[in-house]
C-alpha atoms as a PDB file:
ATOM      1  CA  UNK A   1      99.150  66.619  94.965  1.00  0.00           C
ATOM      2  CA  UNK A   2      96.506  64.699  96.874  1.00  0.00           C
ATOM      3  CA  UNK A   3      92.869  65.708  96.773  1.00  0.00           C
ATOM      4  CA  UNK A   4      92.951  66.875 100.411  1.00  0.00           C
ATOM      5  CA  UNK A   5      95.970  69.113  99.905  1.00  0.00           C
ATOM      6  CA  UNK A   6      94.445  70.526  96.706  1.00  0.00           C
ATOM      7  CA  UNK A   7      91.242  71.430  98.565  1.00  0.00           C
ATOM      8  CA  UNK A   8      93.260  72.939 101.415  1.00  0.00           C
ATOM      9  CA  UNK A   9      95.326  75.005  98.971  1.00  0.00           C
ATOM     10  CA  UNK A  10      92.179  76.374  97.345  1.00  0.00           C
ATOM     11  CA  UNK A  11      90.477  77.293 100.629  1.00  0.00           C
ATOM     12  CA  UNK A  12      93.435  78.545 102.664  1.00  0.00           C
ATOM     13  CA  UNK A  13      93.902  82.260 103.060  1.00  0.00           C
ATOM     14  CA  UNK A  14      97.194  84.140 103.135  1.00  0.00           C
ATOM     15  CA  UNK A  15      98.834  84.231 106.542  1.00  0.00           C
ATOM     16  CA  UNK A  16      98.795  87.631 108.312  1.00  0.00           C
ATOM     17  CA  UNK A  17     102.217  89.223 108.717  1.00  0.00           C
ATOM     18  CA  UNK A  18     104.009  89.504 112.042  1.00  0.00           C
ATOM     19  CA  UNK A  19     103.384  93.251 111.843  1.00  0.00           C
ATOM     20  CA  UNK A  20      99.637  92.679 111.749  1.00  0.00           C
ATOM     21  CA  UNK A  21      99.794  90.008 114.451  1.00  0.00           C
ATOM     22  CA  UNK A  22     101.426  92.551 116.782  1.00  0.00           C
ATOM     23  CA  UNK A  23      98.175  94.553 116.953  1.00  0.00           C
ATOM     24  CA  UNK A  24      95.349  92.649 118.687  1.00  0.00           C
ATOM     25  CA  UNK A  25      92.582  95.021 117.557  1.00  0.00           C
ATOM     26  CA  UNK A  26      93.592  94.733 113.901  1.00  0.00           C
ATOM     27  CA  UNK A  27      93.777  90.940 114.126  1.00  0.00           C
ATOM     28  CA  UNK A  28      90.319  90.867 115.699  1.00  0.00           C
ATOM     29  CA  UNK A  29      89.001  93.088 112.907  1.00  0.00           C
ATOM     30  CA  UNK A  30      90.530  90.817 110.264  1.00  0.00           C
ATOM     31  CA  UNK A  31      89.402  87.574 111.900  1.00  0.00           C
ATOM     32  CA  UNK A  32      85.890  88.968 112.304  1.00  0.00           C
ATOM     33  CA  UNK A  33      85.728  89.628 108.569  1.00  0.00           C
ATOM     34  CA  UNK A  34      85.162  93.353 109.018  1.00  0.00           C
ATOM     35  CA  UNK A  35      88.129  94.366 106.851  1.00  0.00           C
ATOM     36  CA  UNK A  36      90.206  92.592 104.237  1.00  0.00           C
ATOM     37  CA  UNK A  37      93.659  91.259 104.987  1.00  0.00           C
ATOM     38  CA  UNK A  38      95.136  93.899 102.664  1.00  0.00           C
ATOM     39  CA  UNK A  39      93.429  96.752 104.526  1.00  0.00           C
ATOM     40  CA  UNK A  40      94.452  95.406 107.928  1.00  0.00           C
ATOM     41  CA  UNK A  41      98.042  95.021 106.701  1.00  0.00           C
ATOM     42  CA  UNK A  42      97.979  98.610 105.402  1.00  0.00           C
ATOM     43  CA  UNK A  43      96.759  99.870 108.777  1.00  0.00           C
ATOM     44  CA  UNK A  44      99.410  97.831 110.606  1.00  0.00           C
ATOM     45  CA  UNK A  45     102.158  99.347 108.447  1.00  0.00           C
ATOM     46  CA  UNK A  46     100.755 102.836 109.060  1.00  0.00           C
ATOM     47  CA  UNK A  47     100.651 102.151 112.783  1.00  0.00           C
ATOM     48  CA  UNK A  48     104.285 101.073 112.697  1.00  0.00           C
ATOM     49  CA  UNK A  49     105.241 104.298 110.882  1.00  0.00           C
ATOM     50  CA  UNK A  50     103.556 106.337 113.631  1.00  0.00           C
ATOM     51  CA  UNK A  51     105.240 104.240 116.291  1.00  0.00           C
ATOM     52  CA  UNK A  52     108.659 104.856 114.703  1.00  0.00           C
ATOM     53  CA  UNK A  53     108.027 108.583 114.420  1.00  0.00           C
ATOM     54  CA  UNK A  54     106.511 109.268 117.834  1.00  0.00           C
ATOM     55  CA  UNK A  55     107.401 106.505 120.298  1.00  0.00           C
ATOM     56  CA  UNK A  56     110.350 108.437 121.706  1.00  0.00           C
ATOM     57  CA  UNK A  57     108.064 111.305 122.760  1.00  0.00           C
ATOM     58  CA  UNK A  58     107.043 110.846 126.416  1.00  0.00           C
ATOM     59  CA  UNK A  59     103.444 111.906 125.716  1.00  0.00           C
ATOM     60  CA  UNK A  60     102.926 109.076 123.221  1.00  0.00           C
ATOM     61  CA  UNK A  61     105.229 106.627 124.976  1.00  0.00           C
ATOM     62  CA  UNK A  62     103.132 106.736 128.165  1.00  0.00           C
ATOM     63  CA  UNK A  63      99.873 106.167 126.325  1.00  0.00           C
ATOM     64  CA  UNK A  64     101.272 103.336 124.236  1.00  0.00           C
ATOM     65  CA  UNK A  65     102.596 101.634 127.384  1.00  0.00           C
ATOM     66  CA  UNK A  66      99.041 101.454 128.742  1.00  0.00           C
ATOM     67  CA  UNK A  67      97.327 100.254 125.551  1.00  0.00           C
ATOM     68  CA  UNK A  68      98.759  97.674 123.097  1.00  0.00           C
ATOM     69  CA  UNK A  69      96.383  99.015 120.443  1.00  0.00           C
ATOM     70  CA  UNK A  70      97.334 102.657 120.919  1.00  0.00           C
ATOM     71  CA  UNK A  71      99.178 103.015 117.607  1.00  0.00           C
ATOM     72  CA  UNK A  72      96.396 101.585 115.403  1.00  0.00           C
ATOM     73  CA  UNK A  73      93.861 103.765 117.228  1.00  0.00           C
ATOM     74  CA  UNK A  74      96.036 106.820 116.659  1.00  0.00           C
ATOM     75  CA  UNK A  75      96.463 105.841 113.015  1.00  0.00           C
ATOM     76  CA  UNK A  76      92.684 105.569 112.612  1.00  0.00           C
ATOM     77  CA  UNK A  77      92.326 109.110 113.990  1.00  0.00           C
ATOM     78  CA  UNK A  78      94.423 110.542 111.173  1.00  0.00           C
ATOM     79  CA  UNK A  79      91.456 112.082 109.321  1.00  0.00           C
ATOM     80  CA  UNK A  80      92.550 115.602 110.159  1.00  0.00           C
ATOM     81  CA  UNK A  81      96.305 115.104 109.822  1.00  0.00           C
END
């Protein structure tokens, strides 16, 4: 291993999953350093679970069609669920 690749390996961070990359607001939060990769991944998975459960309901379907970050926002509102 060359010195450059060793330095790169030590400083590189894990790559976000495709699930996380699908949610612009979560990627922005991660890239801004506001939350860890693990927390953003957890929120992306939770958002996907909500999407699977509720996306066939017209009420949610219409809102999600207007906002690509609808599911993560809904997931973040889960305090009283």
